[in-house]
Amino acid sequence: MASRFQPRRPSPGRFSPARFSPRPVQAPQRPPPPPAAMVDAILRHHDVSVDQGGQRSLLRLSDRALREPQVIAALGGDARRAANVAILWNERESEIIRVLEGADVRVAA
């Protein structure tokens, strides 16, 4: 049995390829992750530990710890960046779950 309706056909000027030209898509730029030396310094010298439940803790450096000479020596020029870095730590497995960086780290702790 034949259909009574005809399929739609686009009009010649409506969907011309020149009208819909592709544009390049720009991926969002992410900052590089914190260096391993910074993560190591936070693990060694952290003085703020906030319990997150489930045997997990959020480790970070306080402003007081960032002024100590051994912390400054371990961080070098990255002391300002280290103020915004925190490490989510698994107490049971003694391993890093995630390294967090940003202004929201201070609010979380």
N, C-alpha and C. Protein backbone atom coordinates (compact mmCIF):
# COMPACT_ATOMS: atom_id res chain seq x y z
N MET A 1 0.83 -1.17 0.00
CA MET A 1 0.00 0.00 0.00
C MET A 1 0.88 1.24 0.00
N ALA A 2 0.64 2.11 -0.89
CA ALA A 2 1.44 3.33 -1.02
C ALA A 2 0.98 4.37 -0.02
N SER A 3 1.94 5.17 0.45
CA SER A 3 1.64 6.22 1.40
C SER A 3 1.01 7.40 0.68
N ARG A 4 0.10 8.05 1.33
CA ARG A 4 -0.55 9.21 0.74
C ARG A 4 0.31 10.46 0.88
N PHE A 5 1.26 10.42 1.81
CA PHE A 5 2.05 11.60 2.07
C PHE A 5 3.43 11.49 1.41
N GLN A 6 3.88 12.56 0.88
CA GLN A 6 5.20 12.63 0.27
C GLN A 6 6.22 13.04 1.33
N PRO A 7 7.44 12.51 1.27
CA PRO A 7 8.47 12.94 2.23
C PRO A 7 8.82 14.41 2.00
N ARG A 8 9.18 15.08 3.06
CA ARG A 8 9.55 16.49 2.94
C ARG A 8 10.86 16.62 2.20
N ARG A 9 10.91 17.56 1.36
CA ARG A 9 12.13 17.86 0.63
C ARG A 9 12.52 19.29 0.97
N PRO A 10 13.77 19.48 1.33
CA PRO A 10 14.18 20.85 1.68
C PRO A 10 14.17 21.75 0.46
N SER A 11 13.83 22.99 0.70
CA SER A 11 13.87 23.96 -0.39
C SER A 11 15.33 24.23 -0.74
N PRO A 12 15.65 24.58 -1.97
CA PRO A 12 17.04 24.70 -2.40
C PRO A 12 17.85 25.71 -1.60
N GLY A 13 17.32 26.82 -1.16
CA GLY A 13 18.11 27.83 -0.46
C GLY A 13 18.10 27.69 1.05
N ARG A 14 17.26 26.82 1.57
CA ARG A 14 17.07 26.76 3.02
C ARG A 14 18.23 26.10 3.76
N PHE A 15 18.78 25.01 3.26
CA PHE A 15 19.86 24.28 3.93
C PHE A 15 21.13 24.24 3.09
N SER A 16 21.53 25.34 2.56
CA SER A 16 22.73 25.35 1.74
C SER A 16 23.96 25.19 2.62
N PRO A 17 25.00 24.47 2.15
CA PRO A 17 26.21 24.26 2.95
C PRO A 17 26.91 25.56 3.33
N ALA A 18 26.78 26.59 2.52
CA ALA A 18 27.45 27.85 2.83
C ALA A 18 26.83 28.52 4.05
N ARG A 19 25.57 28.24 4.30
CA ARG A 19 24.88 28.85 5.43
C ARG A 19 25.35 28.26 6.76
N PHE A 20 25.66 26.98 6.77
CA PHE A 20 26.10 26.30 7.98
C PHE A 20 27.56 25.91 7.85
N SER A 21 28.44 26.88 7.98
CA SER A 21 29.87 26.59 7.89
C SER A 21 30.38 26.15 9.26
N PRO A 22 31.18 25.09 9.32
CA PRO A 22 31.68 24.63 10.62
C PRO A 22 32.72 25.60 11.19
N ARG A 23 32.65 25.77 12.51
CA ARG A 23 33.61 26.60 13.21
C ARG A 23 34.48 25.71 14.09
N PRO A 24 35.74 26.05 14.25
CA PRO A 24 36.57 25.23 15.13
C PRO A 24 36.10 25.36 16.58
N VAL A 25 36.14 24.26 17.29
CA VAL A 25 35.72 24.22 18.69
C VAL A 25 36.96 24.34 19.56
N GLN A 26 36.91 25.24 20.53
CA GLN A 26 38.03 25.45 21.43
C GLN A 26 37.76 24.72 22.74
N ALA A 27 38.63 23.82 23.11
CA ALA A 27 38.51 23.12 24.38
C ALA A 27 38.93 24.05 25.52
N PRO A 28 38.28 23.96 26.67
CA PRO A 28 38.69 24.82 27.79
C PRO A 28 40.11 24.48 28.24
N GLN A 29 40.86 25.51 28.57
CA GLN A 29 42.25 25.34 28.99
C GLN A 29 42.30 25.07 30.49
N ARG A 30 42.95 23.98 30.88
CA ARG A 30 43.12 23.64 32.29
C ARG A 30 44.52 24.02 32.73
N PRO A 31 44.64 24.49 33.95
CA PRO A 31 45.99 24.75 34.44
C PRO A 31 46.71 23.43 34.68
N PRO A 32 48.03 23.43 34.62
CA PRO A 32 48.76 22.18 34.87
C PRO A 32 48.55 21.72 36.31
N PRO A 33 48.59 20.43 36.55
CA PRO A 33 48.41 19.95 37.93
C PRO A 33 49.56 20.38 38.82
N PRO A 34 49.33 20.38 40.12
CA PRO A 34 50.41 20.78 41.04
C PRO A 34 51.60 19.83 40.90
N PRO A 35 52.82 20.34 41.00
CA PRO A 35 53.98 19.48 40.87
C PRO A 35 54.06 18.47 42.02
N ALA A 36 54.75 17.37 41.77
CA ALA A 36 54.87 16.30 42.76
C ALA A 36 55.57 16.79 44.02
N ALA A 37 56.52 17.70 43.90
CA ALA A 37 57.21 18.23 45.07
C ALA A 37 56.25 18.99 45.98
N MET A 38 55.28 19.66 45.41
CA MET A 38 54.29 20.38 46.21
C MET A 38 53.39 19.39 46.95
N VAL A 39 52.94 18.35 46.26
CA VAL A 39 52.10 17.34 46.90
C VAL A 39 52.86 16.66 48.03
N ASP A 40 54.13 16.36 47.79
CA ASP A 40 54.96 15.74 48.81
C ASP A 40 55.13 16.67 50.02
N ALA A 41 55.33 17.95 49.78
CA ALA A 41 55.49 18.90 50.89
C ALA A 41 54.20 19.02 51.71
N ILE A 42 53.06 18.98 51.04
CA ILE A 42 51.79 19.05 51.77
C ILE A 42 51.59 17.80 52.60
N LEU A 43 51.93 16.64 52.06
CA LEU A 43 51.80 15.40 52.83
C LEU A 43 52.72 15.39 54.04
N ARG A 44 53.93 15.91 53.90
CA ARG A 44 54.90 15.89 55.00
C ARG A 44 54.61 16.94 56.07
N HIS A 45 54.19 18.14 55.66
CA HIS A 45 54.11 19.27 56.59
C HIS A 45 52.69 19.73 56.89
N HIS A 46 51.66 19.00 56.48
CA HIS A 46 50.30 19.48 56.70
C HIS A 46 50.02 19.62 58.20
N ASP A 47 49.26 20.64 58.53
CA ASP A 47 48.88 20.84 59.92
C ASP A 47 47.37 21.00 60.07
N VAL A 48 46.65 20.94 58.97
CA VAL A 48 45.20 20.97 59.01
C VAL A 48 44.69 19.67 58.41
N SER A 49 43.91 18.94 59.21
CA SER A 49 43.34 17.68 58.76
C SER A 49 41.86 17.70 59.12
N VAL A 50 41.01 17.70 58.09
CA VAL A 50 39.57 17.76 58.30
C VAL A 50 38.98 16.40 57.95
N ASP A 51 38.31 15.77 58.92
CA ASP A 51 37.72 14.46 58.70
C ASP A 51 36.56 14.58 57.72
N GLN A 52 36.58 13.75 56.68
CA GLN A 52 35.54 13.78 55.66
C GLN A 52 34.58 12.59 55.79
N GLY A 53 34.84 11.71 56.74
CA GLY A 53 34.01 10.52 56.91
C GLY A 53 34.52 9.39 56.03
N GLY A 54 34.21 8.17 56.40
CA GLY A 54 34.63 7.02 55.60
C GLY A 54 36.13 6.83 55.59
N GLN A 55 36.80 7.17 56.68
CA GLN A 55 38.25 7.09 56.82
C GLN A 55 38.99 7.92 55.78
N ARG A 56 38.44 9.07 55.47
CA ARG A 56 39.07 10.01 54.54
C ARG A 56 39.28 11.33 55.24
N SER A 57 40.38 11.98 54.89
CA SER A 57 40.71 13.28 55.48
C SER A 57 41.15 14.24 54.39
N LEU A 58 40.89 15.51 54.61
CA LEU A 58 41.34 16.57 53.72
C LEU A 58 42.54 17.21 54.38
N LEU A 59 43.71 17.10 53.75
CA LEU A 59 44.96 17.60 54.31
C LEU A 59 45.36 18.88 53.58
N ARG A 60 45.80 19.88 54.35
CA ARG A 60 46.29 21.11 53.73
C ARG A 60 47.22 21.83 54.70
N LEU A 61 47.86 22.86 54.20
CA LEU A 61 48.77 23.68 54.99
C LEU A 61 48.05 24.94 55.46
N SER A 62 48.24 25.30 56.72
CA SER A 62 47.66 26.54 57.23
C SER A 62 48.57 27.71 56.84
N ASP A 63 48.08 28.91 57.08
CA ASP A 63 48.90 30.10 56.80
C ASP A 63 50.15 30.11 57.67
N ARG A 64 50.01 29.65 58.90
CA ARG A 64 51.16 29.59 59.82
C ARG A 64 52.21 28.62 59.30
N ALA A 65 51.77 27.46 58.82
CA ALA A 65 52.72 26.46 58.31
C ALA A 65 53.42 26.95 57.05
N LEU A 66 52.72 27.75 56.25
CA LEU A 66 53.33 28.27 55.01
C LEU A 66 54.44 29.27 55.29
N ARG A 67 54.53 29.79 56.51
CA ARG A 67 55.59 30.73 56.87
C ARG A 67 56.79 30.06 57.53
N GLU A 68 56.71 28.76 57.79
CA GLU A 68 57.82 28.06 58.44
C GLU A 68 58.97 27.84 57.44
N PRO A 69 60.22 27.95 57.91
CA PRO A 69 61.37 27.85 57.00
C PRO A 69 61.48 26.51 56.26
N GLN A 70 61.20 25.39 56.94
CA GLN A 70 61.34 24.10 56.26
C GLN A 70 60.26 23.92 55.19
N VAL A 71 59.08 24.49 55.40
CA VAL A 71 58.02 24.41 54.38
C VAL A 71 58.37 25.30 53.20
N ILE A 72 58.90 26.49 53.48
CA ILE A 72 59.32 27.39 52.40
C ILE A 72 60.43 26.75 51.59
N ALA A 73 61.36 26.08 52.26
CA ALA A 73 62.45 25.40 51.54
C ALA A 73 61.91 24.25 50.69
N ALA A 74 60.91 23.54 51.17
CA ALA A 74 60.35 22.41 50.41
C ALA A 74 59.53 22.88 49.22
N LEU A 75 58.83 24.01 49.36
CA LEU A 75 57.95 24.49 48.30
C LEU A 75 58.67 25.39 47.30
N GLY A 76 59.69 26.08 47.72
CA GLY A 76 60.36 27.01 46.82
C GLY A 76 59.44 28.17 46.47
N GLY A 77 59.30 28.44 45.21
CA GLY A 77 58.47 29.55 44.75
C GLY A 77 56.99 29.23 44.65
N ASP A 78 56.61 28.01 44.99
CA ASP A 78 55.21 27.59 44.86
C ASP A 78 54.42 27.74 46.16
N ALA A 79 54.92 28.49 47.12
CA ALA A 79 54.24 28.61 48.42
C ALA A 79 52.86 29.24 48.26
N ARG A 80 52.74 30.24 47.42
CA ARG A 80 51.44 30.90 47.23
C ARG A 80 50.43 29.95 46.60
N ARG A 81 50.88 29.15 45.64
CA ARG A 81 49.98 28.18 45.01
C ARG A 81 49.60 27.07 45.99
N ALA A 82 50.53 26.68 46.86
CA ALA A 82 50.26 25.60 47.82
C ALA A 82 49.18 25.99 48.81
N ALA A 83 48.94 27.28 49.01
CA ALA A 83 47.89 27.71 49.92
C ALA A 83 46.51 27.30 49.41
N ASN A 84 46.38 27.06 48.12
CA ASN A 84 45.09 26.68 47.53
C ASN A 84 45.04 25.23 47.10
N VAL A 85 45.92 24.40 47.64
CA VAL A 85 45.95 22.99 47.29
C VAL A 85 45.61 22.16 48.53
N ALA A 86 44.76 21.17 48.35
CA ALA A 86 44.42 20.24 49.44
C ALA A 86 44.46 18.83 48.88
N ILE A 87 44.68 17.88 49.75
CA ILE A 87 44.78 16.48 49.34
C ILE A 87 43.72 15.69 50.08
N LEU A 88 42.91 14.95 49.33
CA LEU A 88 41.95 14.04 49.93
C LEU A 88 42.67 12.72 50.14
N TRP A 89 42.81 12.32 51.40
CA TRP A 89 43.67 11.21 51.80
C TRP A 89 42.83 10.07 52.36
N ASN A 90 43.12 8.83 51.94
CA ASN A 90 42.46 7.64 52.45
C ASN A 90 43.30 7.10 53.59
N GLU A 91 42.77 7.15 54.81
CA GLU A 91 43.51 6.72 55.99
C GLU A 91 43.74 5.20 56.00
N ARG A 92 42.75 4.44 55.59
CA ARG A 92 42.86 2.98 55.66
C ARG A 92 43.91 2.44 54.70
N GLU A 93 43.91 2.95 53.48
CA GLU A 93 44.84 2.47 52.45
C GLU A 93 46.13 3.28 52.40
N SER A 94 46.20 4.39 53.12
CA SER A 94 47.34 5.30 53.09
C SER A 94 47.71 5.70 51.67
N GLU A 95 46.71 6.24 50.96
CA GLU A 95 46.94 6.67 49.59
C GLU A 95 46.14 7.93 49.28
N ILE A 96 46.60 8.64 48.26
CA ILE A 96 45.93 9.86 47.81
C ILE A 96 44.72 9.47 46.98
N ILE A 97 43.58 10.07 47.30
CA ILE A 97 42.38 9.86 46.50
C ILE A 97 42.32 10.91 45.40
N ARG A 98 42.52 12.17 45.78
CA ARG A 98 42.45 13.26 44.80
C ARG A 98 43.21 14.47 45.32
N VAL A 99 43.81 15.20 44.40
CA VAL A 99 44.47 16.47 44.73
C VAL A 99 43.55 17.57 44.24
N LEU A 100 43.14 18.43 45.16
CA LEU A 100 42.21 19.51 44.85
C LEU A 100 42.94 20.84 44.84
N GLU A 101 42.60 21.68 43.87
CA GLU A 101 43.24 22.99 43.80
C GLU A 101 42.21 24.02 43.43
N GLY A 102 42.26 25.14 44.10
CA GLY A 102 41.36 26.25 43.79
C GLY A 102 40.96 27.00 45.03
N ALA A 103 40.20 28.07 44.84
CA ALA A 103 39.78 28.91 45.95
C ALA A 103 38.79 28.18 46.84
N ASP A 104 38.06 27.20 46.30
CA ASP A 104 37.05 26.49 47.08
C ASP A 104 37.67 25.55 48.11
N VAL A 105 38.98 25.31 48.06
CA VAL A 105 39.64 24.44 49.02
C VAL A 105 39.59 25.05 50.41
N ARG A 106 39.77 26.36 50.52
CA ARG A 106 39.72 27.04 51.82
C ARG A 106 38.32 26.96 52.41
N VAL A 107 37.30 27.03 51.57
CA VAL A 107 35.93 26.97 52.05
C VAL A 107 35.61 25.57 52.55
N ALA A 108 36.11 24.52 51.86
CA ALA A 108 35.83 23.14 52.23
C ALA A 108 36.42 22.80 53.58
N ALA A 109 37.54 23.40 53.93
CA ALA A 109 38.18 23.10 55.21
C ALA A 109 37.66 24.04 56.23
